[in-house]
Amino acid sequence: MVVVVVEVVDVVVEVVIVVVVVVVVSVVVVDVVVDVVVVVVVVVVVVVVVVVVVVVVVVVVVAVVVVVVVFVVVVVVMGTGDPFGLIPGPRGTPLGAAPVSPFGETPGPSGTPFGAIEEG
């Protein structure tokens, strides 16, 4: 009977050793898999961020090119001279300023302002 008990204890010890080895190997494998998953996730996030930044830069560059082309078409090709729309006042003066004579005279017909009638 003692021999049978010793053999059973020996088998139980071997089973426990096998279970411990399997658990240790499983923990190591799970740790490696987790590390690989973390690395893959980080790489994917970095790639997505780089793609988004590149797309934003391309959109900004295209927008700037479109604005420049529209400006060139309006000013050069169409020859309007008013890139910002109609500016009141005579052409050739900044922001509609009236030219003044160096002798202090104002250009235009002489007379009364705003259509007033002179008394006689």
C-alpha atoms as a PDB file:
ATOM      1  CA  MET A   1       0.000   0.000   0.000  1.00  0.00           C
ATOM      2  CA  VAL A   2       2.813   2.415   0.774  1.00  0.00           C
ATOM      3  CA  VAL A   3       4.187   1.916  -2.715  1.00  0.00           C
ATOM      4  CA  VAL A   4       0.843   2.849  -4.271  1.00  0.00           C
ATOM      5  CA  VAL A   5       0.598   5.986  -2.138  1.00  0.00           C
ATOM      6  CA  VAL A   6       4.141   6.969  -3.072  1.00  0.00           C
ATOM      7  CA  GLU A   7       3.381   6.449  -6.736  1.00  0.00           C
ATOM      8  CA  VAL A   8       0.159   8.513  -6.466  1.00  0.00           C
ATOM      9  CA  VAL A   9       2.052  11.295  -4.710  1.00  0.00           C
ATOM     10  CA  ASP A  10       4.718  11.150  -7.412  1.00  0.00           C
ATOM     11  CA  VAL A  11       2.067  11.446 -10.151  1.00  0.00           C
ATOM     12  CA  VAL A  12       0.394  14.342  -8.330  1.00  0.00           C
ATOM     13  CA  VAL A  13       3.732  16.139  -8.007  1.00  0.00           C
ATOM     14  CA  GLU A  14       4.393  15.651 -11.734  1.00  0.00           C
ATOM     15  CA  VAL A  15       0.924  16.987 -12.581  1.00  0.00           C
ATOM     16  CA  VAL A  16       1.482  20.014 -10.356  1.00  0.00           C
ATOM     17  CA  ILE A  17       4.856  20.645 -12.021  1.00  0.00           C
ATOM     18  CA  VAL A  18       3.244  20.421 -15.466  1.00  0.00           C
ATOM     19  CA  VAL A  19       0.440  22.800 -14.418  1.00  0.00           C
ATOM     20  CA  VAL A  20       2.952  25.305 -13.022  1.00  0.00           C
ATOM     21  CA  VAL A  21       5.031  25.145 -16.212  1.00  0.00           C
ATOM     22  CA  VAL A  22       1.894  25.632 -18.345  1.00  0.00           C
ATOM     23  CA  VAL A  23       0.805  28.620 -16.227  1.00  0.00           C
ATOM     24  CA  VAL A  24       4.256  30.226 -16.399  1.00  0.00           C
ATOM     25  CA  VAL A  25       4.464  29.702 -20.161  1.00  0.00           C
ATOM     26  CA  SER A  26       0.922  31.083 -20.561  1.00  0.00           C
ATOM     27  CA  VAL A  27       1.799  34.189 -18.565  1.00  0.00           C
ATOM     28  CA  VAL A  28       4.900  34.768 -20.675  1.00  0.00           C
ATOM     29  CA  VAL A  29       2.962  34.232 -23.900  1.00  0.00           C
ATOM     30  CA  VAL A  30       0.178  36.568 -22.761  1.00  0.00           C
ATOM     31  CA  ASP A  31       2.758  39.186 -21.798  1.00  0.00           C
ATOM     32  CA  VAL A  32       4.407  38.962 -25.202  1.00  0.00           C
ATOM     33  CA  VAL A  33       1.031  39.137 -26.964  1.00  0.00           C
ATOM     34  CA  VAL A  34       0.040  42.192 -24.913  1.00  0.00           C
ATOM     35  CA  ASP A  35       3.348  43.865 -25.754  1.00  0.00           C
ATOM     36  CA  VAL A  36       2.847  43.148 -29.456  1.00  0.00           C
ATOM     37  CA  VAL A  37      -0.719  44.490 -29.344  1.00  0.00           C
ATOM     38  CA  VAL A  38       0.444  47.662 -27.598  1.00  0.00           C
ATOM     39  CA  VAL A  39       3.163  48.210 -30.199  1.00  0.00           C
ATOM     40  CA  VAL A  40       0.691  47.647 -33.047  1.00  0.00           C
ATOM     41  CA  VAL A  41      -1.807  50.099 -31.520  1.00  0.00           C
ATOM     42  CA  VAL A  42       0.886  52.749 -31.056  1.00  0.00           C
ATOM     43  CA  VAL A  43       2.061  52.322 -34.648  1.00  0.00           C
ATOM     44  CA  VAL A  44      -1.505  52.585 -35.962  1.00  0.00           C
ATOM     45  CA  VAL A  45      -2.146  55.753 -33.920  1.00  0.00           C
ATOM     46  CA  VAL A  46       1.069  57.355 -35.155  1.00  0.00           C
ATOM     47  CA  VAL A  47       0.230  56.497 -38.771  1.00  0.00           C
ATOM     48  CA  VAL A  48      -3.282  57.933 -38.405  1.00  0.00           C
ATOM     49  CA  VAL A  49      -1.950  61.155 -36.865  1.00  0.00           C
ATOM     50  CA  VAL A  50       0.630  61.538 -39.646  1.00  0.00           C
ATOM     51  CA  VAL A  51      -2.035  60.972 -42.318  1.00  0.00           C
ATOM     52  CA  VAL A  52      -4.352  63.539 -40.715  1.00  0.00           C
ATOM     53  CA  VAL A  53      -1.555  66.117 -40.504  1.00  0.00           C
ATOM     54  CA  VAL A  54      -0.617  65.524 -44.153  1.00  0.00           C
ATOM     55  CA  VAL A  55      -4.254  65.879 -45.243  1.00  0.00           C
ATOM     56  CA  VAL A  56      -4.642  69.127 -43.292  1.00  0.00           C
ATOM     57  CA  VAL A  57      -1.452  70.555 -44.788  1.00  0.00           C
ATOM     58  CA  VAL A  58      -2.574  69.597 -48.309  1.00  0.00           C
ATOM     59  CA  VAL A  59      -5.994  71.201 -47.756  1.00  0.00           C
ATOM     60  CA  VAL A  60      -4.399  74.415 -46.482  1.00  0.00           C
ATOM     61  CA  VAL A  61      -1.968  74.552 -49.407  1.00  0.00           C
ATOM     62  CA  VAL A  62      -4.796  73.954 -51.905  1.00  0.00           C
ATOM     63  CA  ALA A  63      -6.881  76.683 -50.236  1.00  0.00           C
ATOM     64  CA  VAL A  64      -3.996  79.162 -50.444  1.00  0.00           C
ATOM     65  CA  VAL A  65      -3.406  78.281 -54.105  1.00  0.00           C
ATOM     66  CA  VAL A  66      -7.114  78.762 -54.870  1.00  0.00           C
ATOM     67  CA  VAL A  67      -7.140  82.170 -53.150  1.00  0.00           C
ATOM     68  CA  VAL A  68      -4.033  83.269 -55.049  1.00  0.00           C
ATOM     69  CA  VAL A  69      -5.462  82.059 -58.375  1.00  0.00           C
ATOM     70  CA  VAL A  70      -8.772  83.859 -57.757  1.00  0.00           C
ATOM     71  CA  PHE A  71      -6.897  87.022 -56.814  1.00  0.00           C
ATOM     72  CA  VAL A  72      -4.769  86.818 -59.972  1.00  0.00           C
ATOM     73  CA  VAL A  73      -7.823  86.174 -62.147  1.00  0.00           C
ATOM     74  CA  VAL A  74      -9.742  89.094 -60.665  1.00  0.00           C
ATOM     75  CA  VAL A  75      -6.891  91.597 -60.690  1.00  0.00           C
ATOM     76  CA  VAL A  76      -4.739  90.653 -63.667  1.00  0.00           C
ATOM     77  CA  VAL A  77      -6.906  88.780 -66.138  1.00  0.00           C
ATOM     78  CA  MET A  78     -10.154  90.692 -65.666  1.00  0.00           C
ATOM     79  CA  GLY A  79      -8.301  93.961 -65.157  1.00  0.00           C
ATOM     80  CA  THR A  80     -10.808  95.424 -62.714  1.00  0.00           C
ATOM     81  CA  GLY A  81      -8.138  97.036 -60.580  1.00  0.00           C
ATOM     82  CA  ASP A  82     -10.376  96.583 -57.535  1.00  0.00           C
ATOM     83  CA  PRO A  83      -9.435  93.324 -55.870  1.00  0.00           C
ATOM     84  CA  PHE A  84     -11.801  93.992 -52.962  1.00  0.00           C
ATOM     85  CA  GLY A  85     -14.850  95.105 -54.935  1.00  0.00           C
ATOM     86  CA  LEU A  86     -15.899  98.618 -55.821  1.00  0.00           C
ATOM     87  CA  ILE A  87     -14.188 101.306 -53.796  1.00  0.00           C
ATOM     88  CA  PRO A  88     -15.960 104.666 -53.875  1.00  0.00           C
ATOM     89  CA  GLY A  89     -14.173 107.641 -55.292  1.00  0.00           C
ATOM     90  CA  PRO A  90     -12.152 108.394 -58.354  1.00  0.00           C
ATOM     91  CA  ARG A  91      -9.867 105.679 -59.692  1.00  0.00           C
ATOM     92  CA  GLY A  92      -6.212 105.983 -58.982  1.00  0.00           C
ATOM     93  CA  THR A  93      -6.642 107.352 -55.462  1.00  0.00           C
ATOM     94  CA  PRO A  94      -6.329 105.222 -52.328  1.00  0.00           C
ATOM     95  CA  LEU A  95      -9.645 104.307 -50.699  1.00  0.00           C
ATOM     96  CA  GLY A  96     -11.571 106.945 -52.637  1.00  0.00           C
ATOM     97  CA  ALA A  97      -9.575 109.975 -51.457  1.00  0.00           C
ATOM     98  CA  ALA A  98     -10.168 113.046 -53.618  1.00  0.00           C
ATOM     99  CA  PRO A  99      -7.023 114.480 -55.187  1.00  0.00           C
ATOM    100  CA  VAL A 100      -6.097 117.954 -53.996  1.00  0.00           C
ATOM    101  CA  SER A 101      -4.353 120.559 -56.104  1.00  0.00           C
ATOM    102  CA  PRO A 102      -0.954 121.703 -54.836  1.00  0.00           C
ATOM    103  CA  PHE A 103      -2.315 125.252 -55.030  1.00  0.00           C
ATOM    104  CA  GLY A 104      -5.112 124.608 -52.535  1.00  0.00           C
ATOM    105  CA  GLU A 105      -7.866 124.450 -55.105  1.00  0.00           C
ATOM    106  CA  THR A 106     -10.336 121.607 -55.121  1.00  0.00           C
ATOM    107  CA  PRO A 107     -10.901 119.890 -58.440  1.00  0.00           C
ATOM    108  CA  GLY A 108     -14.253 120.026 -60.152  1.00  0.00           C
ATOM    109  CA  PRO A 109     -16.644 122.820 -61.063  1.00  0.00           C
ATOM    110  CA  SER A 110     -16.657 125.892 -58.901  1.00  0.00           C
ATOM    111  CA  GLY A 111     -19.917 126.919 -57.335  1.00  0.00           C
ATOM    112  CA  THR A 112     -21.949 126.305 -54.268  1.00  0.00           C
ATOM    113  CA  PRO A 113     -21.808 122.991 -52.445  1.00  0.00           C
ATOM    114  CA  PHE A 114     -24.674 120.526 -52.597  1.00  0.00           C
ATOM    115  CA  GLY A 115     -26.654 122.496 -55.168  1.00  0.00           C
ATOM    116  CA  ALA A 116     -27.260 125.602 -52.974  1.00  0.00           C
ATOM    117  CA  ILE A 117     -28.402 128.703 -54.811  1.00  0.00           C
ATOM    118  CA  GLU A 118     -26.333 131.878 -54.574  1.00  0.00           C
ATOM    119  CA  GLU A 119     -28.135 135.011 -53.559  1.00  0.00           C
ATOM    120  CA  GLY A 120     -27.679 137.800 -55.712  1.00  0.00           C
END
